[in-house]
Amino acid sequence: MATRRHPTARQARLGSELRKLRDAAGLKATAAATLLGVSSVQVSQIESGIAGVSEERIRRLAANYACSDSALIDALVVMATDRTRGWWEEYRGVLPAAYLDLSELDHHATFRHDVAVIHVPGLFQTEDYARALFSYMNPEFPESEVEHRVHHRMKRRVVIEGPTPIPYEAVIHEAALRVKVAGRSASCAQLTRVAELSEEEHISVRVIPFGLDDFAGAGSAMVYVGGAVPRLDTVVRDAPHGTAFVESEAQLDHFRALFRRVKGESLNPGQSRDLIHKLIKEL
């Protein structure tokens, strides 16, 4: 198969999972190359996401790696053979690649858990709220750049508002709900949207109140995206120079436990909804 100059995060994840299977089997890349009848360079390209890989080769490697997890193997085959060109492709070359990777990650998600401490989660944001956030960047983005980012963020909401929405749990600190990011009127509209979405059966909204004692989880913000199998889950975190995708099993376990803890410390959905309506009345 032809090589790619810039593999997507999903393509790179497929390669890294194949490398993990090889490492678990105690084999070197040269041994994998012999199994496939290719060069070790080609194996390296597959494992880095630069080159694609067929279903037949994935299943052959899995068998020789003594991997008996059929659900994982099937999921890797789907990752390798799916040729979906989603709505996000219209932004390729217009927005940073991480924006497209996030959209593709959402598209294939089985569920999503968010913890938001400073801002309302992106999937809940209104246009005015998102526009205010993107306009506040330093240095400032050109107006056209801001609009591209706003439109992209609005389209990402399809994952919870489209015809086949995924289960979504959001834990939001009261601080994120109180900050008037885009003025009083826009803030009221933003809170109203959160309140309305919290009524949906597939959406759960919990609030961490200011009055909570012993809450030291200000650094707990995360986006946890469920994969086809737990091993393919992904955590997305903002990093100083871009977006970081976390996929190691140890880190995934850490963030699963962290989400359970933060969720356990928050108000239940009914109490959270009451607090949000109280904040709306105060505006």
C-alpha atoms as a PDB file:
ATOM      1  CA  MET A   1       0.000   0.000   0.000  1.00  0.00           C
ATOM      2  CA  ALA A   2       1.066   3.602  -0.636  1.00  0.00           C
ATOM      3  CA  THR A   3       2.580   5.471   2.298  1.00  0.00           C
ATOM      4  CA  ARG A   4       0.988   8.522   3.895  1.00  0.00           C
ATOM      5  CA  ARG A   5       2.826  11.723   4.709  1.00  0.00           C
ATOM      6  CA  HIS A   6       0.519  12.656   7.577  1.00  0.00           C
ATOM      7  CA  PRO A   7      -1.400   9.770   9.150  1.00  0.00           C
ATOM      8  CA  THR A   8      -4.487  10.653  11.167  1.00  0.00           C
ATOM      9  CA  ALA A   9      -4.628   9.944  14.894  1.00  0.00           C
ATOM     10  CA  ARG A  10      -6.860   6.939  14.158  1.00  0.00           C
ATOM     11  CA  GLN A  11      -4.371   5.523  11.626  1.00  0.00           C
ATOM     12  CA  ALA A  12      -1.492   6.071  14.052  1.00  0.00           C
ATOM     13  CA  ARG A  13      -3.497   4.384  16.832  1.00  0.00           C
ATOM     14  CA  LEU A  14      -4.020   1.286  14.678  1.00  0.00           C
ATOM     15  CA  GLY A  15      -0.275   1.055  14.094  1.00  0.00           C
ATOM     16  CA  SER A  16       0.564   1.530  17.760  1.00  0.00           C
ATOM     17  CA  GLU A  17      -1.889  -1.219  18.778  1.00  0.00           C
ATOM     18  CA  LEU A  18      -0.256  -3.621  16.318  1.00  0.00           C
ATOM     19  CA  ARG A  19       3.124  -2.710  17.785  1.00  0.00           C
ATOM     20  CA  LYS A  20       1.827  -3.380  21.317  1.00  0.00           C
ATOM     21  CA  LEU A  21       0.628  -6.832  20.226  1.00  0.00           C
ATOM     22  CA  ARG A  22       4.043  -7.578  18.724  1.00  0.00           C
ATOM     23  CA  ASP A  23       5.835  -6.379  21.852  1.00  0.00           C
ATOM     24  CA  ALA A  24       3.556  -8.514  24.036  1.00  0.00           C
ATOM     25  CA  ALA A  25       4.484 -11.526  21.910  1.00  0.00           C
ATOM     26  CA  GLY A  26       8.177 -10.777  22.438  1.00  0.00           C
ATOM     27  CA  LEU A  27       8.899 -10.477  18.711  1.00  0.00           C
ATOM     28  CA  LYS A  28      11.082  -7.989  16.880  1.00  0.00           C
ATOM     29  CA  ALA A  29       9.998  -6.113  13.770  1.00  0.00           C
ATOM     30  CA  THR A  30      12.196  -8.393  11.645  1.00  0.00           C
ATOM     31  CA  ALA A  31      10.201 -11.415  12.820  1.00  0.00           C
ATOM     32  CA  ALA A  32       6.913  -9.687  11.936  1.00  0.00           C
ATOM     33  CA  ALA A  33       8.345  -8.807   8.541  1.00  0.00           C
ATOM     34  CA  THR A  34       9.185 -12.464   7.924  1.00  0.00           C
ATOM     35  CA  LEU A  35       5.634 -13.474   8.851  1.00  0.00           C
ATOM     36  CA  LEU A  36       4.214 -11.045   6.277  1.00  0.00           C
ATOM     37  CA  GLY A  37       6.887 -11.532   3.642  1.00  0.00           C
ATOM     38  CA  VAL A  38       7.791  -7.845   3.655  1.00  0.00           C
ATOM     39  CA  SER A  39      10.756  -5.759   4.808  1.00  0.00           C
ATOM     40  CA  SER A  40      11.191  -4.562   8.378  1.00  0.00           C
ATOM     41  CA  VAL A  41      10.894  -1.022   6.981  1.00  0.00           C
ATOM     42  CA  GLN A  42       7.348  -1.811   5.837  1.00  0.00           C
ATOM     43  CA  VAL A  43       6.488  -3.186   9.282  1.00  0.00           C
ATOM     44  CA  SER A  44       7.801   0.027  10.818  1.00  0.00           C
ATOM     45  CA  GLN A  45       5.658   2.053   8.416  1.00  0.00           C
ATOM     46  CA  ILE A  46       2.559   0.029   9.325  1.00  0.00           C
ATOM     47  CA  GLU A  47       3.212   0.414  13.036  1.00  0.00           C
ATOM     48  CA  SER A  48       3.692   4.162  12.711  1.00  0.00           C
ATOM     49  CA  GLY A  49       0.501   4.600  10.678  1.00  0.00           C
ATOM     50  CA  ILE A  50       2.405   5.750   7.615  1.00  0.00           C
ATOM     51  CA  ALA A  51       1.318   2.674   5.647  1.00  0.00           C
ATOM     52  CA  GLY A  52      -2.015   0.888   5.630  1.00  0.00           C
ATOM     53  CA  VAL A  53      -2.536  -2.783   6.355  1.00  0.00           C
ATOM     54  CA  SER A  54      -5.089  -5.300   5.047  1.00  0.00           C
ATOM     55  CA  GLU A  55      -7.546  -7.370   7.070  1.00  0.00           C
ATOM     56  CA  GLU A  56      -5.756 -10.562   6.060  1.00  0.00           C
ATOM     57  CA  ARG A  57      -2.426  -9.268   7.362  1.00  0.00           C
ATOM     58  CA  ILE A  58      -3.925  -8.078  10.638  1.00  0.00           C
ATOM     59  CA  ARG A  59      -5.486 -11.477  11.294  1.00  0.00           C
ATOM     60  CA  ARG A  60      -2.270 -13.271  10.313  1.00  0.00           C
ATOM     61  CA  LEU A  61      -0.221 -11.105  12.657  1.00  0.00           C
ATOM     62  CA  ALA A  62      -2.724 -11.544  15.493  1.00  0.00           C
ATOM     63  CA  ALA A  63      -2.619 -15.320  15.122  1.00  0.00           C
ATOM     64  CA  ASN A  64       1.179 -15.369  15.173  1.00  0.00           C
ATOM     65  CA  TYR A  65       1.217 -12.969  18.108  1.00  0.00           C
ATOM     66  CA  ALA A  66      -1.041 -15.436  19.983  1.00  0.00           C
ATOM     67  CA  CYS A  67      -3.698 -12.747  20.456  1.00  0.00           C
ATOM     68  CA  SER A  68      -7.004 -14.449  21.273  1.00  0.00           C
ATOM     69  CA  ASP A  69      -8.996 -11.243  21.877  1.00  0.00           C
ATOM     70  CA  SER A  70     -11.384 -11.564  18.940  1.00  0.00           C
ATOM     71  CA  ALA A  71     -13.242  -8.338  19.788  1.00  0.00           C
ATOM     72  CA  LEU A  72     -10.002  -6.362  19.693  1.00  0.00           C
ATOM     73  CA  ILE A  73      -8.897  -7.992  16.441  1.00  0.00           C
ATOM     74  CA  ASP A  74     -12.252  -7.262  14.803  1.00  0.00           C
ATOM     75  CA  ALA A  75     -12.048  -3.644  15.976  1.00  0.00           C
ATOM     76  CA  LEU A  76      -8.546  -3.269  14.514  1.00  0.00           C
ATOM     77  CA  VAL A  77      -9.789  -4.702  11.216  1.00  0.00           C
ATOM     78  CA  VAL A  78     -12.546  -2.074  11.134  1.00  0.00           C
ATOM     79  CA  MET A  79      -9.990   0.646  11.821  1.00  0.00           C
ATOM     80  CA  ALA A  80      -7.866  -0.625   8.927  1.00  0.00           C
ATOM     81  CA  THR A  81     -10.620  -1.105   6.366  1.00  0.00           C
ATOM     82  CA  ASP A  82     -13.075   1.716   7.122  1.00  0.00           C
ATOM     83  CA  ARG A  83     -12.863   4.278   4.335  1.00  0.00           C
ATOM     84  CA  THR A  84     -15.267   6.801   5.841  1.00  0.00           C
ATOM     85  CA  ARG A  85     -14.693  10.361   4.671  1.00  0.00           C
ATOM     86  CA  GLY A  86     -16.726  12.276   7.198  1.00  0.00           C
ATOM     87  CA  TRP A  87     -17.969  15.843   7.267  1.00  0.00           C
ATOM     88  CA  TRP A  88     -14.702  16.936   8.916  1.00  0.00           C
ATOM     89  CA  GLU A  89     -12.778  16.376   5.684  1.00  0.00           C
ATOM     90  CA  GLU A  90     -14.016  19.722   4.377  1.00  0.00           C
ATOM     91  CA  TYR A  91     -11.784  21.346   7.009  1.00  0.00           C
ATOM     92  CA  ARG A  92      -8.606  19.519   5.968  1.00  0.00           C
ATOM     93  CA  GLY A  93      -5.995  22.145   5.174  1.00  0.00           C
ATOM     94  CA  VAL A  94      -8.218  24.778   6.781  1.00  0.00           C
ATOM     95  CA  LEU A  95      -7.949  23.829  10.457  1.00  0.00           C
ATOM     96  CA  PRO A  96      -5.150  22.070  12.374  1.00  0.00           C
ATOM     97  CA  ALA A  97      -5.125  18.287  11.993  1.00  0.00           C
ATOM     98  CA  ALA A  98      -6.038  17.817  15.666  1.00  0.00           C
ATOM     99  CA  TYR A  99      -9.490  19.295  14.997  1.00  0.00           C
ATOM    100  CA  LEU A 100     -10.147  16.656  12.352  1.00  0.00           C
ATOM    101  CA  ASP A 101      -8.751  13.910  14.569  1.00  0.00           C
ATOM    102  CA  LEU A 102     -11.159  14.915  17.345  1.00  0.00           C
ATOM    103  CA  SER A 103     -14.105  14.816  14.960  1.00  0.00           C
ATOM    104  CA  GLU A 104     -13.115  11.370  13.683  1.00  0.00           C
ATOM    105  CA  LEU A 105     -12.658  10.168  17.256  1.00  0.00           C
ATOM    106  CA  ASP A 106     -16.177  11.375  18.127  1.00  0.00           C
ATOM    107  CA  HIS A 107     -17.596   9.750  14.994  1.00  0.00           C
ATOM    108  CA  HIS A 108     -16.391   6.304  16.036  1.00  0.00           C
ATOM    109  CA  ALA A 109     -17.058   6.738  19.772  1.00  0.00           C
ATOM    110  CA  THR A 110     -19.302   4.360  21.719  1.00  0.00           C
ATOM    111  CA  PHE A 111     -19.684   6.844  24.605  1.00  0.00           C
ATOM    112  CA  ARG A 112     -18.099  10.007  25.921  1.00  0.00           C
ATOM    113  CA  HIS A 113     -17.335  11.339  29.406  1.00  0.00           C
ATOM    114  CA  ASP A 114     -16.255  14.955  29.933  1.00  0.00           C
ATOM    115  CA  VAL A 115     -14.944  16.743  33.008  1.00  0.00           C
ATOM    116  CA  ALA A 116     -14.936  20.527  32.553  1.00  0.00           C
ATOM    117  CA  VAL A 117     -13.576  22.925  35.161  1.00  0.00           C
ATOM    118  CA  ILE A 118     -13.037  26.255  33.410  1.00  0.00           C
ATOM    119  CA  HIS A 119     -15.302  26.275  30.356  1.00  0.00           C
ATOM    120  CA  VAL A 120     -18.571  24.623  29.365  1.00  0.00           C
ATOM    121  CA  PRO A 121     -17.810  21.412  27.393  1.00  0.00           C
ATOM    122  CA  GLY A 122     -17.412  21.978  23.662  1.00  0.00           C
ATOM    123  CA  LEU A 123     -20.366  19.755  22.734  1.00  0.00           C
ATOM    124  CA  PHE A 124     -22.636  21.989  24.846  1.00  0.00           C
ATOM    125  CA  GLN A 125     -21.348  25.329  23.596  1.00  0.00           C
ATOM    126  CA  THR A 126     -23.491  27.825  21.712  1.00  0.00           C
ATOM    127  CA  GLU A 127     -22.110  29.739  18.734  1.00  0.00           C
ATOM    128  CA  ASP A 128     -21.741  32.956  20.741  1.00  0.00           C
ATOM    129  CA  TYR A 129     -19.903  31.166  23.552  1.00  0.00           C
ATOM    130  CA  ALA A 130     -17.532  29.346  21.187  1.00  0.00           C
ATOM    131  CA  ARG A 131     -16.915  32.509  19.168  1.00  0.00           C
ATOM    132  CA  ALA A 132     -15.968  34.417  22.318  1.00  0.00           C
ATOM    133  CA  LEU A 133     -13.485  31.705  23.299  1.00  0.00           C
ATOM    134  CA  PHE A 134     -11.814  31.551  19.892  1.00  0.00           C
ATOM    135  CA  SER A 135     -11.747  35.360  19.618  1.00  0.00           C
ATOM    136  CA  TYR A 136      -9.858  35.647  22.894  1.00  0.00           C
ATOM    137  CA  MET A 137      -6.770  33.832  21.622  1.00  0.00           C
ATOM    138  CA  ASN A 138      -3.421  35.618  21.779  1.00  0.00           C
ATOM    139  CA  PRO A 139      -2.325  36.485  19.200  1.00  0.00           C
ATOM    140  CA  GLU A 140      -5.813  36.984  17.853  1.00  0.00           C
ATOM    141  CA  PHE A 141      -7.054  34.779  15.024  1.00  0.00           C
ATOM    142  CA  PRO A 142      -8.277  36.462  11.825  1.00  0.00           C
ATOM    143  CA  GLU A 143     -12.083  36.618  11.708  1.00  0.00           C
ATOM    144  CA  SER A 144     -12.210  33.913   9.022  1.00  0.00           C
ATOM    145  CA  GLU A 145     -10.157  31.568  11.225  1.00  0.00           C
ATOM    146  CA  VAL A 146     -12.494  32.149  14.159  1.00  0.00           C
ATOM    147  CA  GLU A 147     -15.536  31.377  12.024  1.00  0.00           C
ATOM    148  CA  HIS A 148     -14.025  28.144  10.685  1.00  0.00           C
ATOM    149  CA  ARG A 149     -13.380  26.978  14.248  1.00  0.00           C
ATOM    150  CA  VAL A 150     -16.847  27.968  15.431  1.00  0.00           C
ATOM    151  CA  HIS A 151     -18.580  26.209  12.533  1.00  0.00           C
ATOM    152  CA  HIS A 152     -16.473  23.103  13.082  1.00  0.00           C
ATOM    153  CA  ARG A 153     -17.344  23.047  16.792  1.00  0.00           C
ATOM    154  CA  MET A 154     -21.050  23.383  16.013  1.00  0.00           C
ATOM    155  CA  LYS A 155     -20.879  20.459  13.584  1.00  0.00           C
ATOM    156  CA  ARG A 156     -19.177  18.284  16.197  1.00  0.00           C
ATOM    157  CA  ARG A 157     -22.389  18.433  18.214  1.00  0.00           C
ATOM    158  CA  VAL A 158     -23.874  15.827  15.868  1.00  0.00           C
ATOM    159  CA  VAL A 159     -22.406  13.147  18.123  1.00  0.00           C
ATOM    160  CA  ILE A 160     -25.003  13.985  20.811  1.00  0.00           C
ATOM    161  CA  GLU A 161     -27.681  15.697  18.699  1.00  0.00           C
ATOM    162  CA  GLY A 162     -27.648  13.641  15.499  1.00  0.00           C
ATOM    163  CA  PRO A 163     -29.838  10.674  14.507  1.00  0.00           C
ATOM    164  CA  THR A 164     -27.667   8.168  16.408  1.00  0.00           C
ATOM    165  CA  PRO A 165     -26.395  10.007  19.518  1.00  0.00           C
ATOM    166  CA  ILE A 166     -23.940   8.331  21.864  1.00  0.00           C
ATOM    167  CA  PRO A 167     -24.323   8.160  25.665  1.00  0.00           C
ATOM    168  CA  TYR A 168     -22.746  11.308  27.098  1.00  0.00           C
ATOM    169  CA  GLU A 169     -21.866  12.171  30.705  1.00  0.00           C
ATOM    170  CA  ALA A 170     -20.580  15.623  31.574  1.00  0.00           C
ATOM    171  CA  VAL A 171     -19.292  16.707  34.971  1.00  0.00           C
ATOM    172  CA  ILE A 172     -18.997  20.502  35.066  1.00  0.00           C
ATOM    173  CA  HIS A 173     -17.593  22.662  37.842  1.00  0.00           C
ATOM    174  CA  GLU A 174     -19.857  25.504  38.940  1.00  0.00           C
ATOM    175  CA  ALA A 175     -17.070  27.920  38.018  1.00  0.00           C
ATOM    176  CA  ALA A 176     -17.450  27.020  34.338  1.00  0.00           C
ATOM    177  CA  LEU A 177     -21.168  27.755  34.553  1.00  0.00           C
ATOM    178  CA  ARG A 178     -20.775  31.092  36.319  1.00  0.00           C
ATOM    179  CA  VAL A 179     -18.079  32.699  34.174  1.00  0.00           C
ATOM    180  CA  LYS A 180     -19.764  35.078  31.699  1.00  0.00           C
ATOM    181  CA  VAL A 181     -17.609  34.168  28.714  1.00  0.00           C
ATOM    182  CA  ALA A 182     -19.702  36.083  26.187  1.00  0.00           C
ATOM    183  CA  GLY A 183     -21.722  38.533  28.255  1.00  0.00           C
ATOM    184  CA  ARG A 184     -24.945  38.256  30.210  1.00  0.00           C
ATOM    185  CA  SER A 185     -27.372  37.462  27.397  1.00  0.00           C
ATOM    186  CA  ALA A 186     -25.085  34.890  25.781  1.00  0.00           C
ATOM    187  CA  SER A 187     -24.380  33.348  29.190  1.00  0.00           C
ATOM    188  CA  CYS A 188     -28.089  32.937  29.815  1.00  0.00           C
ATOM    189  CA  ALA A 189     -28.506  31.258  26.432  1.00  0.00           C
ATOM    190  CA  GLN A 190     -25.544  28.991  27.187  1.00  0.00           C
ATOM    191  CA  LEU A 191     -26.900  27.886  30.559  1.00  0.00           C
ATOM    192  CA  THR A 192     -30.332  27.343  29.042  1.00  0.00           C
ATOM    193  CA  ARG A 193     -28.824  25.071  26.427  1.00  0.00           C
ATOM    194  CA  VAL A 194     -27.032  23.021  29.078  1.00  0.00           C
ATOM    195  CA  ALA A 195     -30.265  22.742  31.075  1.00  0.00           C
ATOM    196  CA  GLU A 196     -32.248  21.631  28.012  1.00  0.00           C
ATOM    197  CA  LEU A 197     -29.696  19.020  26.977  1.00  0.00           C
ATOM    198  CA  SER A 198     -29.582  17.656  30.521  1.00  0.00           C
ATOM    199  CA  GLU A 199     -33.184  16.521  29.987  1.00  0.00           C
ATOM    200  CA  GLU A 200     -32.191  14.171  27.154  1.00  0.00           C
ATOM    201  CA  GLU A 201     -32.208  10.469  28.038  1.00  0.00           C
ATOM    202  CA  HIS A 202     -28.733   9.814  26.635  1.00  0.00           C
ATOM    203  CA  ILE A 203     -27.169  12.821  28.372  1.00  0.00           C
ATOM    204  CA  SER A 204     -26.227  13.135  32.044  1.00  0.00           C
ATOM    205  CA  VAL A 205     -25.061  16.444  33.493  1.00  0.00           C
ATOM    206  CA  ARG A 206     -23.576  16.689  36.977  1.00  0.00           C
ATOM    207  CA  VAL A 207     -22.244  19.832  38.641  1.00  0.00           C
ATOM    208  CA  ILE A 208     -19.393  20.165  41.138  1.00  0.00           C
ATOM    209  CA  PRO A 209     -20.635  22.961  43.434  1.00  0.00           C
ATOM    210  CA  PHE A 210     -18.446  25.674  44.920  1.00  0.00           C
ATOM    211  CA  GLY A 211     -19.523  24.506  48.360  1.00  0.00           C
ATOM    212  CA  LEU A 212     -17.932  21.076  48.019  1.00  0.00           C
ATOM    213  CA  ASP A 213     -15.356  20.497  50.749  1.00  0.00           C
ATOM    214  CA  ASP A 214     -11.930  19.058  49.984  1.00  0.00           C
ATOM    215  CA  PHE A 215     -12.155  19.293  46.201  1.00  0.00           C
ATOM    216  CA  ALA A 216      -8.621  19.423  44.820  1.00  0.00           C
ATOM    217  CA  GLY A 217      -9.490  18.245  41.326  1.00  0.00           C
ATOM    218  CA  ALA A 218      -9.045  21.469  39.386  1.00  0.00           C
ATOM    219  CA  GLY A 219      -6.656  19.600  37.080  1.00  0.00           C
ATOM    220  CA  SER A 220      -9.134  16.821  36.366  1.00  0.00           C
ATOM    221  CA  ALA A 221     -10.442  18.271  33.092  1.00  0.00           C
ATOM    222  CA  MET A 222     -10.615  15.607  30.418  1.00  0.00           C
ATOM    223  CA  VAL A 223     -12.471  14.202  27.459  1.00  0.00           C
ATOM    224  CA  TYR A 224     -12.776  10.417  27.758  1.00  0.00           C
ATOM    225  CA  VAL A 225     -13.911   8.740  24.539  1.00  0.00           C
ATOM    226  CA  GLY A 226     -15.034   5.126  24.483  1.00  0.00           C
ATOM    227  CA  GLY A 227     -13.677   2.882  21.749  1.00  0.00           C
ATOM    228  CA  ALA A 228     -15.104  -0.275  20.215  1.00  0.00           C
ATOM    229  CA  VAL A 229     -13.409  -2.166  23.080  1.00  0.00           C
ATOM    230  CA  PRO A 230     -12.031  -0.675  26.337  1.00  0.00           C
ATOM    231  CA  ARG A 231      -8.451  -1.084  25.156  1.00  0.00           C
ATOM    232  CA  LEU A 232      -9.213   1.365  22.325  1.00  0.00           C
ATOM    233  CA  ASP A 233     -10.559   4.099  24.589  1.00  0.00           C
ATOM    234  CA  THR A 234      -8.843   7.478  24.296  1.00  0.00           C
ATOM    235  CA  VAL A 235      -8.411  10.413  26.653  1.00  0.00           C
ATOM    236  CA  VAL A 236      -8.042  13.862  25.115  1.00  0.00           C
ATOM    237  CA  ARG A 237      -6.343  16.593  27.124  1.00  0.00           C
ATOM    238  CA  ASP A 238      -5.280  20.113  26.276  1.00  0.00           C
ATOM    239  CA  ALA A 239      -1.504  20.481  26.269  1.00  0.00           C
ATOM    240  CA  PRO A 240       0.597  23.680  26.192  1.00  0.00           C
ATOM    241  CA  HIS A 241       1.303  23.283  22.480  1.00  0.00           C
ATOM    242  CA  GLY A 242      -1.782  21.475  21.237  1.00  0.00           C
ATOM    243  CA  THR A 243      -4.006  18.494  21.920  1.00  0.00           C
ATOM    244  CA  ALA A 244      -2.676  15.339  23.566  1.00  0.00           C
ATOM    245  CA  PHE A 245      -4.199  11.904  22.922  1.00  0.00           C
ATOM    246  CA  VAL A 246      -3.648   9.487  25.814  1.00  0.00           C
ATOM    247  CA  GLU A 247      -3.963   5.777  25.003  1.00  0.00           C
ATOM    248  CA  SER A 248      -1.687   3.715  27.258  1.00  0.00           C
ATOM    249  CA  GLU A 249      -3.557   1.138  29.330  1.00  0.00           C
ATOM    250  CA  ALA A 250      -2.097   2.413  32.609  1.00  0.00           C
ATOM    251  CA  GLN A 251      -3.131   5.994  31.861  1.00  0.00           C
ATOM    252  CA  LEU A 252      -6.591   4.926  30.702  1.00  0.00           C
ATOM    253  CA  ASP A 253      -7.076   3.092  33.999  1.00  0.00           C
ATOM    254  CA  HIS A 254      -5.951   6.234  35.826  1.00  0.00           C
ATOM    255  CA  PHE A 255      -8.440   8.457  34.011  1.00  0.00           C
ATOM    256  CA  ARG A 256     -11.283   5.956  34.402  1.00  0.00           C
ATOM    257  CA  ALA A 257     -10.710   6.012  38.159  1.00  0.00           C
ATOM    258  CA  LEU A 258     -10.377   9.812  38.135  1.00  0.00           C
ATOM    259  CA  PHE A 259     -13.691  10.219  36.306  1.00  0.00           C
ATOM    260  CA  ARG A 260     -15.452   7.911  38.757  1.00  0.00           C
ATOM    261  CA  ARG A 261     -14.056   9.928  41.667  1.00  0.00           C
ATOM    262  CA  VAL A 262     -15.022  13.323  40.248  1.00  0.00           C
ATOM    263  CA  LYS A 263     -18.464  12.027  39.281  1.00  0.00           C
ATOM    264  CA  GLY A 264     -18.936  10.625  42.773  1.00  0.00           C
ATOM    265  CA  GLU A 265     -18.150  14.019  44.313  1.00  0.00           C
ATOM    266  CA  SER A 266     -20.624  15.921  42.113  1.00  0.00           C
ATOM    267  CA  LEU A 267     -24.313  16.653  42.600  1.00  0.00           C
ATOM    268  CA  ASN A 268     -26.735  14.136  41.127  1.00  0.00           C
ATOM    269  CA  PRO A 269     -28.429  15.059  37.815  1.00  0.00           C
ATOM    270  CA  GLY A 270     -31.589  16.393  39.475  1.00  0.00           C
ATOM    271  CA  GLN A 271     -29.684  18.580  41.928  1.00  0.00           C
ATOM    272  CA  SER A 272     -27.398  19.750  39.127  1.00  0.00           C
ATOM    273  CA  ARG A 273     -30.361  20.748  36.971  1.00  0.00           C
ATOM    274  CA  ASP A 274     -31.829  22.728  39.866  1.00  0.00           C
ATOM    275  CA  LEU A 275     -28.533  24.560  40.354  1.00  0.00           C
ATOM    276  CA  ILE A 276     -28.300  25.411  36.657  1.00  0.00           C
ATOM    277  CA  HIS A 277     -31.851  26.841  36.679  1.00  0.00           C
ATOM    278  CA  LYS A 278     -30.920  28.857  39.784  1.00  0.00           C
ATOM    279  CA  LEU A 279     -27.924  30.317  37.957  1.00  0.00           C
ATOM    280  CA  ILE A 280     -30.137  31.227  34.989  1.00  0.00           C
ATOM    281  CA  LYS A 281     -32.493  33.149  37.265  1.00  0.00           C
ATOM    282  CA  GLU A 282     -29.582  35.033  38.795  1.00  0.00           C
ATOM    283  CA  LEU A 283     -28.436  36.407  35.429  1.00  0.00           C
END
